[in-house]
Amino acid sequence: MADDKVYDLFIIGGGINGTGIARDASGRGLSLALAEAGDLGGATSSASTKLFHGGLRYLEFFEFGLVKSALKEREVLLKAMPHISWPMRFVLPYAPDMRFDSDTPTSRLLAKVMPWIEKGRRPAWLIRLGLFMYDNLGGREILPGTKTLDLTTAPEGKGLKSRFKMAYEYSDAWVEDARLVMLNARDAEARGATILTRTAVKQASRDGDTWRIETEGGTYRAKALVNAGGPWVADILTGVMRQNSKHAIRLVRGSHIVTKRLYDHDKAYFFQGSDGRIIFAIPYEQDFTLIGTTDADHTDADVKPQISDTERDYLCAFASEYFEKPVTAEDVVWTYSGVRPLYDDGASSATAATRDYVLALDENGPPVLSVFGGKITTYRKLAEQALAKMGLGEAWTAGVPLPGGDFKVADVPKLRAKLAADYPFLDERWAARLIRAYGLEAWDVLGDAKAATDLGRDFGATLTEAELRWMMAREYAVAGDDALWRRTKLGLRLSVEERAAVDTWMKEAAT
């Protein structure tokens, strides 16, 4: 037996939904264990577009409830994690000659009630109406509302094609998705949870009034089970648990490209395509631009998602419809892809499939709750609703900061300056990176160092032995990829040889 105790809850899956539920449940005084087959957030939850957003385009599908819930959450989440999440302004360029080949509820309604409007047009008033709803559906305290930009004079117009004379600018928020997952797990563990990484669940079965869960590390028992397997949620139900289900998921691959920095300001772009889709171009890691995402059906969760040449070229061509200088494959420095487990509502296309979630509770014996779908912005509400559905305790997480995030959103510049003053060997970019990653815990990472050499070996790009030791001791990092592509994105700045050296050092340090 791995553990003689009977837990109140056992969670399968260490993505954002699993760790979010674990944190909430631990804070309610429940005993629990969470098992993740790989690294925390190692699949879908580290491959998002990295936004806390309501989903402006979902308004075209009349998903008002989903958008409203997500919009309300943006500022709740911002206040709880101002180190890994921050406000961002989005620029939506508009030209009167834009046409969109889209079949959405909005386009069908427009064709019916206003047949004189040319097919495929999204009139400016329609976009402005959508942005008015976006500003007001969820309420705002921190984030400013929409305004109109004159792209012929505004810096946001520099680098765009001359046909774009005006744009709308609105608010959403950025989030470091993989760190969000890890911090939820850390907080859950601090409140008493057992977090098991690199621990696959082989079988789970009802045994009297408890679940018997067999993992690679041993056997556990729990009064209730949560299946938060993401893309594998259906496989866990049918294979690991040997259960039938009327619910199904649709696997959709979302791919992103990262290019050299394409423009000088710190705002993101929201681009509308002639095919009815949208993509974002977002400032990324100070020196890069993130572009995505695609929507392509993915047949098998066990097949590693990878961007195809077709998807890469699609994103380059899409962005090139807006940027004056074409974006080419040669500009791409990195790509990543993830599989989104969308609830299968029978939609005709991956783009139209709902981004809402379904919580399926089976109480035929010890209960099991399975999570189908969901999006990163609503993970905290999903956790609340999951535990409420199981009748377990009272909600508490709204406004409670994650580790390192107990400060105000507006205080980031002050913290950055204080860190640089306390550790004079830090340059401005290094201090900014540490505050954005660790918040108030940046001081713990650096400890009593008086010089950069006190932090141990320098692996390049400001990554030091002291920081790696922190990740290994406090953030569940085991391998180089954990540190370079999930806890940080410093893999973008290191050579193949330097990345290999990090991996080798971590493996040796773990022995």
Protein backbone atom coordinates (compact mmCIF):
# COMPACT_ATOMS: atom_id res chain seq x y z
CA MET A 1 0.00 0.00 0.00
CA ALA A 2 1.29 3.44 -0.88
CA ASP A 3 -0.81 4.94 1.88
CA ASP A 4 -2.95 3.36 4.62
CA LYS A 5 -5.30 6.32 5.04
CA VAL A 6 -8.61 6.77 3.29
CA TYR A 7 -8.68 10.14 1.57
CA ASP A 8 -11.80 12.21 1.19
CA LEU A 9 -10.91 12.75 -2.47
CA PHE A 10 -8.55 11.38 -5.10
CA ILE A 11 -7.97 13.44 -8.26
CA ILE A 12 -6.70 11.99 -11.51
CA GLY A 13 -5.02 14.66 -13.62
CA GLY A 14 -2.60 17.47 -12.84
CA GLY A 15 -3.72 20.06 -15.34
CA ILE A 16 -5.44 23.31 -14.44
CA ASN A 17 -8.78 21.69 -13.60
CA GLY A 18 -7.25 18.98 -11.43
CA THR A 19 -4.95 21.30 -9.51
CA GLY A 20 -7.66 23.96 -9.21
CA ILE A 21 -10.01 21.44 -7.64
CA ALA A 22 -7.19 20.18 -5.40
CA ARG A 23 -6.44 23.66 -4.09
CA ASP A 24 -10.09 24.46 -3.43
CA ALA A 25 -10.77 21.09 -1.78
CA SER A 26 -7.69 21.31 0.45
CA GLY A 27 -8.78 24.74 1.64
CA ARG A 28 -12.15 23.25 2.59
CA GLY A 29 -10.37 20.89 4.97
CA LEU A 30 -10.67 17.79 2.78
CA SER A 31 -7.89 15.23 2.70
CA LEU A 32 -6.88 14.44 -0.86
CA ALA A 33 -4.27 13.07 -3.20
CA LEU A 34 -3.70 14.08 -6.80
CA ALA A 35 -1.91 11.90 -9.35
CA GLU A 36 -0.45 13.22 -12.61
CA ALA A 37 1.19 10.84 -15.08
CA GLY A 38 3.75 13.41 -16.22
CA ASP A 39 4.69 16.95 -15.21
CA LEU A 40 2.06 19.27 -13.80
CA GLY A 41 0.45 21.13 -16.70
CA GLY A 42 2.58 19.11 -19.08
CA ALA A 43 -0.13 18.73 -21.72
CA THR A 44 -3.03 21.05 -22.57
CA SER A 45 -2.60 23.42 -19.63
CA SER A 46 0.83 24.61 -20.76
CA ALA A 47 -0.19 24.96 -24.42
CA SER A 48 -2.89 27.63 -24.24
CA THR A 49 -2.84 31.09 -25.83
CA LYS A 50 -2.07 32.23 -22.25
CA LEU A 51 -4.99 34.60 -21.81
CA PHE A 52 -7.55 35.23 -19.13
CA HIS A 53 -10.31 36.39 -21.44
CA GLY A 54 -14.03 36.26 -21.87
CA GLY A 55 -13.78 35.03 -25.42
CA LEU A 56 -14.91 37.92 -27.59
CA ARG A 57 -15.61 35.68 -30.57
CA TYR A 58 -17.87 33.41 -28.50
CA LEU A 59 -20.43 36.22 -28.56
CA GLU A 60 -20.99 35.38 -32.24
CA PHE A 61 -22.12 31.93 -31.10
CA PHE A 62 -24.48 33.45 -28.50
CA GLU A 63 -22.50 31.87 -25.64
CA PHE A 64 -23.39 34.81 -23.41
CA GLY A 65 -23.36 32.82 -20.17
CA LEU A 66 -19.87 31.48 -20.81
CA VAL A 67 -18.56 34.93 -21.77
CA LYS A 68 -20.17 36.62 -18.76
CA SER A 69 -18.74 34.05 -16.35
CA ALA A 70 -15.27 34.36 -17.87
CA LEU A 71 -15.36 38.15 -17.85
CA LYS A 72 -16.29 38.22 -14.17
CA GLU A 73 -13.37 35.92 -13.43
CA ARG A 74 -10.67 38.00 -15.15
CA GLU A 75 -10.27 40.52 -12.35
CA VAL A 76 -10.82 37.96 -9.58
CA LEU A 77 -7.89 36.03 -11.00
CA LEU A 78 -5.75 39.11 -11.65
CA LYS A 79 -6.00 40.11 -8.01
CA ALA A 80 -4.97 36.64 -6.83
CA MET A 81 -1.90 36.31 -9.04
CA PRO A 82 -0.54 39.72 -10.12
CA HIS A 83 2.92 38.23 -10.61
CA ILE A 84 1.96 35.66 -13.27
CA SER A 85 -1.01 37.56 -14.72
CA TRP A 86 -1.30 41.14 -15.85
CA PRO A 87 -3.64 43.43 -17.82
CA MET A 88 -3.15 43.62 -21.56
CA ARG A 89 -4.72 45.84 -24.20
CA PHE A 90 -5.87 44.28 -27.49
CA VAL A 91 -6.05 46.15 -30.80
CA LEU A 92 -8.72 45.01 -33.27
CA PRO A 93 -8.03 46.62 -36.67
CA TYR A 94 -11.02 47.26 -38.92
CA ALA A 95 -11.47 48.11 -42.60
CA PRO A 96 -14.85 48.59 -44.35
CA ASP A 97 -13.96 46.14 -47.13
CA MET A 98 -13.39 43.21 -44.74
CA ARG A 99 -15.41 40.07 -45.56
CA PHE A 100 -15.76 36.90 -43.52
CA ASP A 101 -16.87 33.49 -44.71
CA SER A 102 -18.52 32.46 -41.45
CA ASP A 103 -21.66 30.55 -40.57
CA THR A 104 -22.41 31.59 -37.01
CA PRO A 105 -25.71 32.30 -35.26
CA THR A 106 -24.91 36.01 -35.53
CA SER A 107 -24.23 35.90 -39.28
CA ARG A 108 -27.42 33.91 -39.90
CA LEU A 109 -29.48 36.33 -37.82
CA LEU A 110 -27.96 39.31 -39.61
CA ALA A 111 -28.80 37.80 -43.01
CA LYS A 112 -32.39 37.24 -41.90
CA VAL A 113 -33.22 40.59 -40.32
CA MET A 114 -30.93 42.82 -42.42
CA PRO A 115 -30.75 41.14 -45.84
CA TRP A 116 -29.43 44.36 -47.43
CA ILE A 117 -26.12 43.93 -45.60
CA GLU A 118 -23.70 42.22 -47.95
CA LYS A 119 -23.04 38.60 -47.02
CA GLY A 120 -19.83 38.12 -45.09
CA ARG A 121 -19.64 41.62 -43.64
CA ARG A 122 -19.21 42.40 -39.97
CA PRO A 123 -20.30 46.03 -39.90
CA ALA A 124 -18.39 48.36 -37.60
CA TRP A 125 -21.51 48.91 -35.50
CA LEU A 126 -21.82 45.16 -34.95
CA ILE A 127 -18.24 44.89 -33.70
CA ARG A 128 -18.71 47.94 -31.49
CA LEU A 129 -21.91 46.41 -30.08
CA GLY A 130 -20.01 43.22 -29.27
CA LEU A 131 -17.30 45.22 -27.53
CA PHE A 132 -19.90 47.19 -25.58
CA MET A 133 -21.30 43.88 -24.32
CA TYR A 134 -17.76 42.69 -23.60
CA ASP A 135 -17.10 45.80 -21.51
CA ASN A 136 -20.29 45.48 -19.49
CA LEU A 137 -21.33 41.83 -19.20
CA GLY A 138 -18.91 41.01 -16.40
CA GLY A 139 -18.21 44.35 -14.77
CA ARG A 140 -14.77 45.95 -14.47
CA GLU A 141 -12.74 47.58 -11.70
CA ILE A 142 -9.14 47.33 -12.90
CA LEU A 143 -9.39 46.91 -16.66
CA PRO A 144 -10.19 49.97 -18.80
CA GLY A 145 -12.95 49.86 -21.39
CA THR A 146 -12.93 50.00 -25.18
CA LYS A 147 -11.72 52.99 -27.13
CA THR A 148 -11.24 53.81 -30.82
CA LEU A 149 -7.78 54.28 -32.35
CA ASP A 150 -6.79 56.26 -35.40
CA LEU A 151 -4.24 53.91 -36.93
CA THR A 152 -2.94 56.59 -39.28
CA THR A 153 -1.39 58.40 -36.31
CA ALA A 154 -1.37 55.93 -33.38
CA PRO A 155 1.81 53.87 -32.82
CA GLU A 156 -0.33 50.71 -32.98
CA GLY A 157 -0.86 51.42 -36.69
CA LYS A 158 2.85 51.38 -37.46
CA GLY A 159 3.72 48.15 -39.21
CA LEU A 160 0.13 47.37 -40.24
CA LYS A 161 -1.05 47.57 -43.82
CA SER A 162 -2.27 51.00 -44.88
CA ARG A 163 -5.82 49.77 -45.59
CA PHE A 164 -6.41 49.68 -41.83
CA LYS A 165 -7.28 53.23 -40.84
CA MET A 166 -9.00 52.58 -37.52
CA ALA A 167 -9.15 50.01 -34.74
CA TYR A 168 -10.89 49.26 -31.49
CA GLU A 169 -8.80 48.74 -28.36
CA TYR A 170 -10.17 46.66 -25.47
CA SER A 171 -8.91 44.85 -22.36
CA ASP A 172 -8.16 41.27 -21.39
CA ALA A 173 -5.33 39.72 -19.38
CA TRP A 174 -2.23 37.59 -19.86
CA VAL A 175 -1.41 34.57 -17.70
CA GLU A 176 1.58 32.26 -17.36
CA ASP A 177 -0.49 29.11 -17.77
CA ALA A 178 1.99 26.44 -16.67
CA ARG A 179 3.01 28.40 -13.58
CA LEU A 180 -0.66 28.84 -12.73
CA VAL A 181 -1.06 25.05 -12.64
CA MET A 182 2.04 24.57 -10.52
CA LEU A 183 1.07 27.31 -8.02
CA ASN A 184 -2.37 25.78 -7.52
CA ALA A 185 -0.69 22.45 -6.76
CA ARG A 186 1.76 24.11 -4.37
CA ASP A 187 -1.02 25.87 -2.51
CA ALA A 188 -2.99 22.64 -2.31
CA GLU A 189 0.04 20.84 -0.87
CA ALA A 190 0.62 23.64 1.64
CA ARG A 191 -2.95 23.07 2.81
CA GLY A 192 -2.39 19.35 3.28
CA ALA A 193 -2.81 17.72 -0.15
CA THR A 194 -0.59 14.92 -1.40
CA ILE A 195 0.70 15.77 -4.90
CA LEU A 196 2.00 12.83 -6.92
CA THR A 197 3.76 13.75 -10.17
CA ARG A 198 5.10 11.21 -12.67
CA THR A 199 2.55 8.81 -11.23
CA ALA A 200 0.13 7.23 -13.69
CA VAL A 201 -3.12 5.70 -12.46
CA LYS A 202 -3.41 2.17 -13.80
CA GLN A 203 -6.82 1.22 -12.43
CA ALA A 204 -9.60 2.68 -10.28
CA SER A 205 -12.49 0.59 -9.04
CA ARG A 206 -15.26 0.79 -6.47
CA ASP A 207 -14.57 -1.37 -3.45
CA GLY A 208 -17.38 -1.19 -0.92
CA ASP A 209 -17.87 2.43 0.11
CA THR A 210 -14.51 3.64 -1.23
CA TRP A 211 -12.54 3.84 -4.43
CA ARG A 212 -9.44 1.69 -4.77
CA ILE A 213 -6.89 3.50 -6.96
CA GLU A 214 -3.87 1.59 -8.22
CA THR A 215 -0.97 3.74 -9.39
CA GLU A 216 2.58 3.06 -10.51
CA GLY A 217 3.68 3.96 -6.98
CA GLY A 218 1.16 1.90 -5.04
CA THR A 219 -2.49 1.73 -4.04
CA TYR A 220 -4.66 4.47 -2.52
CA ARG A 221 -8.20 4.61 -1.18
CA ALA A 222 -10.64 7.50 -1.30
CA LYS A 223 -14.28 8.19 -0.55
CA ALA A 224 -14.74 10.04 -3.85
CA LEU A 225 -12.93 10.35 -7.16
CA VAL A 226 -12.44 13.21 -9.61
CA ASN A 227 -11.56 12.42 -13.20
CA ALA A 228 -9.83 15.57 -14.49
CA GLY A 229 -7.86 13.81 -17.20
CA GLY A 230 -8.31 16.50 -19.84
CA PRO A 231 -7.85 14.92 -23.27
CA TRP A 232 -7.80 11.50 -21.57
CA VAL A 233 -11.01 11.97 -19.53
CA ALA A 234 -12.99 9.55 -21.71
CA ASP A 235 -10.12 7.03 -21.82
CA ILE A 236 -9.91 7.10 -18.02
CA LEU A 237 -13.63 6.46 -17.74
CA THR A 238 -13.66 3.51 -20.13
CA GLY A 239 -10.15 2.11 -19.59
CA VAL A 240 -8.96 2.91 -16.07
CA MET A 241 -12.40 2.87 -14.42
CA ARG A 242 -14.23 0.53 -16.84
CA GLN A 243 -17.29 2.78 -16.81
CA ASN A 244 -19.76 3.70 -19.54
CA SER A 245 -20.65 7.33 -20.21
CA LYS A 246 -23.15 9.21 -22.34
CA HIS A 247 -20.78 12.17 -22.43
CA ALA A 248 -18.01 12.57 -24.99
CA ILE A 249 -15.23 14.98 -25.84
CA ARG A 250 -13.96 16.40 -29.07
CA LEU A 251 -10.19 16.66 -29.29
CA VAL A 252 -9.12 19.88 -30.99
CA ARG A 253 -5.47 20.70 -31.67
CA GLY A 254 -4.50 24.32 -31.12
CA SER A 255 -1.11 25.27 -32.54
CA HIS A 256 0.93 28.44 -32.01
CA ILE A 257 4.04 29.92 -33.56
CA VAL A 258 6.57 32.18 -31.84
CA THR A 259 8.45 34.61 -34.07
CA LYS A 260 11.05 37.27 -33.65
CA ARG A 261 9.46 40.43 -32.28
CA LEU A 262 7.23 41.91 -34.99
CA TYR A 263 6.45 45.31 -33.45
CA ASP A 264 7.66 47.68 -30.72
CA HIS A 265 4.72 48.33 -28.39
CA ASP A 266 3.34 46.13 -25.59
CA LYS A 267 -0.22 45.63 -26.87
CA ALA A 268 -1.65 42.54 -28.54
CA TYR A 269 -3.56 42.34 -31.82
CA PHE A 270 -6.87 40.61 -32.46
CA PHE A 271 -6.99 39.69 -36.17
CA GLN A 272 -10.15 38.60 -37.99
CA GLY A 273 -9.70 36.27 -40.95
CA SER A 274 -11.65 36.04 -44.17
CA ASP A 275 -12.43 32.42 -43.26
CA GLY A 276 -14.36 33.57 -40.18
CA ARG A 277 -11.66 32.61 -37.68
CA ILE A 278 -9.56 34.87 -35.46
CA ILE A 279 -5.98 34.79 -34.24
CA PHE A 280 -3.95 36.81 -31.75
CA ALA A 281 -0.50 38.35 -32.13
CA ILE A 282 0.84 38.92 -28.62
CA PRO A 283 4.06 40.39 -27.16
CA TYR A 284 5.93 37.39 -25.75
CA GLU A 285 8.87 37.05 -23.39
CA GLN A 286 10.12 40.59 -24.15
CA ASP A 287 11.78 39.76 -27.48
CA PHE A 288 9.23 37.65 -29.34
CA THR A 289 5.68 37.62 -30.74
CA LEU A 290 3.23 34.78 -30.11
CA ILE A 291 0.73 34.04 -32.90
CA GLY A 292 -2.17 31.61 -32.64
CA THR A 293 -4.21 29.61 -32.54
CA THR A 294 -5.44 27.07 -35.05
CA ASP A 295 -8.43 24.77 -34.58
CA ALA A 296 -7.94 21.30 -36.05
CA ASP A 297 -9.56 18.03 -35.03
CA HIS A 298 -7.13 15.65 -33.32
CA THR A 299 -7.94 11.95 -33.39
CA ASP A 300 -5.92 10.42 -30.55
CA ALA A 301 -4.95 11.94 -27.19
CA ASP A 302 -1.92 9.65 -27.05
CA VAL A 303 -0.50 11.11 -30.26
CA LYS A 304 1.74 14.05 -29.33
CA PRO A 305 0.25 17.22 -30.86
CA GLN A 306 2.59 18.92 -33.28
CA ILE A 307 2.00 21.79 -35.64
CA SER A 308 1.83 20.81 -39.28
CA ASP A 309 3.47 22.80 -42.06
CA THR A 310 -0.05 23.65 -43.23
CA GLU A 311 -0.98 25.11 -39.83
CA ARG A 312 2.30 27.04 -39.60
CA ASP A 313 1.83 28.49 -43.08
CA TYR A 314 -1.81 29.31 -42.28
CA LEU A 315 -0.80 31.37 -39.24
CA CYS A 316 1.95 33.13 -41.18
CA ALA A 317 -0.40 33.96 -44.05
CA PHE A 318 -3.17 35.07 -41.65
CA ALA A 319 -0.85 37.49 -39.82
CA SER A 320 0.54 38.70 -43.14
CA GLU A 321 -2.93 39.89 -44.13
CA TYR A 322 -2.46 42.56 -41.44
CA PHE A 323 1.26 43.21 -41.04
CA GLU A 324 2.92 45.29 -43.75
CA LYS A 325 6.00 43.07 -43.69
CA PRO A 326 4.97 39.46 -44.44
CA VAL A 327 5.47 36.88 -41.69
CA THR A 328 7.31 33.87 -43.09
CA ALA A 329 8.35 30.43 -41.88
CA GLU A 330 11.89 31.78 -41.51
CA ASP A 331 10.65 34.16 -38.80
CA VAL A 332 9.42 31.27 -36.64
CA VAL A 333 11.76 30.43 -33.74
CA TRP A 334 9.54 28.01 -31.83
CA THR A 335 6.15 26.33 -32.04
CA TYR A 336 3.92 24.55 -29.57
CA SER A 337 0.66 22.65 -29.80
CA GLY A 338 -1.89 21.38 -27.33
CA VAL A 339 -5.02 19.27 -27.47
CA ARG A 340 -8.12 20.92 -26.06
CA PRO A 341 -10.71 18.45 -24.75
CA LEU A 342 -13.89 20.28 -25.76
CA TYR A 343 -17.26 18.93 -24.73
CA ASP A 344 -18.74 17.27 -27.81
CA ASP A 345 -21.97 19.12 -28.51
CA GLY A 346 -22.22 17.88 -32.09
CA ALA A 347 -20.91 21.09 -33.67
CA SER A 348 -20.06 20.90 -37.34
CA SER A 349 -16.55 22.28 -36.93
CA ALA A 350 -13.80 22.47 -34.33
CA THR A 351 -14.12 26.25 -34.30
CA ALA A 352 -17.85 26.11 -33.50
CA ALA A 353 -17.54 23.51 -30.71
CA THR A 354 -18.49 24.89 -27.31
CA ARG A 355 -15.76 26.03 -24.91
CA ASP A 356 -18.07 25.53 -21.92
CA TYR A 357 -17.69 22.58 -19.60
CA VAL A 358 -19.85 19.76 -18.27
CA LEU A 359 -19.48 18.17 -14.85
CA ALA A 360 -20.80 14.61 -14.86
CA LEU A 361 -21.43 13.08 -11.43
CA ASP A 362 -21.94 9.33 -11.05
CA GLU A 363 -23.25 8.39 -7.61
CA ASN A 364 -23.84 4.72 -8.30
CA GLY A 365 -21.71 3.80 -5.31
CA PRO A 366 -18.80 5.94 -4.09
CA PRO A 367 -19.10 9.08 -6.24
CA VAL A 368 -16.96 9.98 -9.23
CA LEU A 369 -17.09 13.34 -10.96
CA SER A 370 -15.73 13.67 -14.51
CA VAL A 371 -14.78 17.02 -16.01
CA PHE A 372 -15.51 17.46 -19.72
CA GLY A 373 -14.19 20.57 -21.45
CA GLY A 374 -13.50 23.92 -19.82
CA LYS A 375 -11.13 26.83 -20.38
CA ILE A 376 -8.32 28.27 -18.31
CA THR A 377 -10.20 31.49 -17.45
CA THR A 378 -12.99 29.64 -15.69
CA TYR A 379 -10.90 27.03 -13.89
CA ARG A 380 -11.56 28.47 -10.41
CA LYS A 381 -15.33 28.59 -10.94
CA LEU A 382 -15.20 25.08 -12.35
CA ALA A 383 -13.50 23.90 -9.16
CA GLU A 384 -16.14 25.61 -7.01
CA GLN A 385 -18.96 24.08 -9.00
CA ALA A 386 -17.37 20.63 -9.02
CA LEU A 387 -17.09 20.55 -5.24
CA ALA A 388 -20.57 22.04 -4.81
CA LYS A 389 -21.97 19.34 -7.08
CA MET A 390 -20.36 16.74 -4.80
CA GLY A 391 -21.64 18.54 -1.68
CA LEU A 392 -18.17 19.11 -0.26
CA GLY A 393 -17.67 22.23 1.86
CA GLU A 394 -17.94 25.96 1.24
CA ALA A 395 -16.33 28.11 -1.47
CA TRP A 396 -13.38 30.28 -0.35
CA THR A 397 -10.87 30.90 -3.17
CA ALA A 398 -12.19 34.20 -4.59
CA GLY A 399 -9.56 36.86 -3.97
CA VAL A 400 -7.20 34.58 -2.03
CA PRO A 401 -3.70 35.00 -3.52
CA LEU A 402 -1.59 32.19 -4.88
CA PRO A 403 1.97 31.78 -3.53
CA GLY A 404 4.01 34.89 -4.23
CA GLY A 405 1.00 36.93 -5.30
CA ASP A 406 -0.03 38.76 -2.15
CA PHE A 407 0.32 42.29 -3.53
CA LYS A 408 -1.68 44.70 -5.67
CA VAL A 409 -1.75 44.54 -9.45
CA ALA A 410 -0.44 48.12 -9.65
CA ASP A 411 2.55 47.35 -7.38
CA VAL A 412 4.57 45.34 -9.91
CA PRO A 413 6.86 48.27 -10.89
CA LYS A 414 7.56 49.00 -7.20
CA LEU A 415 8.43 45.38 -6.48
CA ARG A 416 10.70 45.24 -9.49
CA ALA A 417 12.55 48.35 -8.34
CA LYS A 418 12.83 47.02 -4.77
CA LEU A 419 14.22 43.70 -5.94
CA ALA A 420 16.83 45.47 -8.07
CA ALA A 421 17.74 47.71 -5.13
CA ASP A 422 18.09 44.76 -2.74
CA TYR A 423 20.18 42.80 -5.25
CA PRO A 424 22.26 45.39 -7.18
CA PHE A 425 23.80 42.72 -9.44
CA LEU A 426 20.42 42.26 -11.17
CA ASP A 427 19.87 44.20 -14.36
CA GLU A 428 16.42 45.55 -15.24
CA ARG A 429 15.37 42.61 -17.42
CA TRP A 430 16.54 40.01 -14.91
CA ALA A 431 14.65 41.69 -12.07
CA ALA A 432 11.53 41.98 -14.23
CA ARG A 433 11.66 38.30 -15.12
CA LEU A 434 12.02 37.18 -11.51
CA ILE A 435 9.11 39.33 -10.30
CA ARG A 436 6.89 38.10 -13.13
CA ALA A 437 7.73 34.49 -12.29
CA TYR A 438 7.95 34.47 -8.50
CA GLY A 439 6.40 37.69 -7.19
CA LEU A 440 7.21 38.12 -3.50
CA GLU A 441 9.04 34.78 -3.52
CA ALA A 442 11.77 36.23 -5.74
CA TRP A 443 13.58 37.22 -2.54
CA ASP A 444 13.44 33.59 -1.37
CA VAL A 445 14.88 32.38 -4.69
CA LEU A 446 17.83 34.78 -4.42
CA GLY A 447 18.34 34.32 -0.68
CA ASP A 448 21.34 36.11 0.83
CA ALA A 449 23.26 36.41 -2.45
CA LYS A 450 25.51 39.47 -2.63
CA ALA A 451 26.76 38.82 -6.17
CA ALA A 452 25.62 36.78 -9.15
CA THR A 453 28.34 34.25 -8.42
CA ASP A 454 26.65 33.48 -5.08
CA LEU A 455 23.77 31.95 -7.07
CA GLY A 456 25.97 29.15 -8.33
CA ARG A 457 26.47 28.02 -11.89
CA ASP A 458 25.22 30.34 -14.64
CA PHE A 459 23.47 28.32 -17.35
CA GLY A 460 22.84 31.35 -19.56
CA ALA A 461 19.93 33.80 -19.99
CA THR A 462 20.04 34.62 -16.22
CA LEU A 463 19.20 31.03 -15.25
CA THR A 464 21.28 30.01 -12.25
CA GLU A 465 21.82 26.99 -10.07
CA ALA A 466 19.94 28.69 -7.22
CA GLU A 467 16.84 29.12 -9.37
CA LEU A 468 16.96 25.52 -10.57
CA ARG A 469 17.28 24.30 -6.99
CA TRP A 470 14.19 26.34 -6.10
CA MET A 471 12.22 24.79 -8.97
CA MET A 472 13.27 21.30 -7.95
CA ALA A 473 12.60 21.80 -4.23
CA ARG A 474 9.42 23.89 -4.44
CA GLU A 475 7.93 23.58 -7.93
CA TYR A 476 8.01 19.83 -8.74
CA ALA A 477 10.54 20.30 -11.58
CA VAL A 478 12.49 17.16 -12.42
CA ALA A 479 13.81 17.52 -15.98
CA GLY A 480 15.17 20.26 -18.18
CA ASP A 481 11.92 20.66 -20.11
CA ASP A 482 10.06 21.32 -16.84
CA ALA A 483 12.38 24.21 -16.02
CA LEU A 484 12.96 25.62 -19.52
CA TRP A 485 9.53 25.35 -21.13
CA ARG A 486 6.99 25.27 -18.29
CA ARG A 487 8.38 26.93 -15.12
CA THR A 488 10.07 29.45 -17.43
CA LYS A 489 10.40 29.94 -21.19
CA LEU A 490 14.16 30.33 -21.05
CA GLY A 491 14.49 27.50 -23.54
CA LEU A 492 13.88 30.20 -26.15
CA ARG A 493 17.15 31.87 -25.20
CA LEU A 494 19.45 28.88 -24.68
CA SER A 495 21.29 26.84 -27.28
CA VAL A 496 20.74 23.11 -27.72
CA GLU A 497 23.94 22.48 -25.78
CA GLU A 498 22.93 24.83 -22.96
CA ARG A 499 19.51 23.18 -22.67
CA ALA A 500 21.15 19.77 -22.49
CA ALA A 501 23.47 21.04 -19.74
CA VAL A 502 20.46 22.13 -17.67
CA ASP A 503 18.84 18.72 -18.06
CA THR A 504 22.03 16.90 -17.13
CA TRP A 505 22.59 19.08 -14.07
CA MET A 506 19.04 18.55 -12.83
CA LYS A 507 19.26 14.78 -13.19
CA GLU A 508 22.56 14.71 -11.30
CA ALA A 509 21.25 17.04 -8.61
CA ALA A 510 18.26 14.78 -8.07
CA THR A 511 20.39 11.72 -7.26
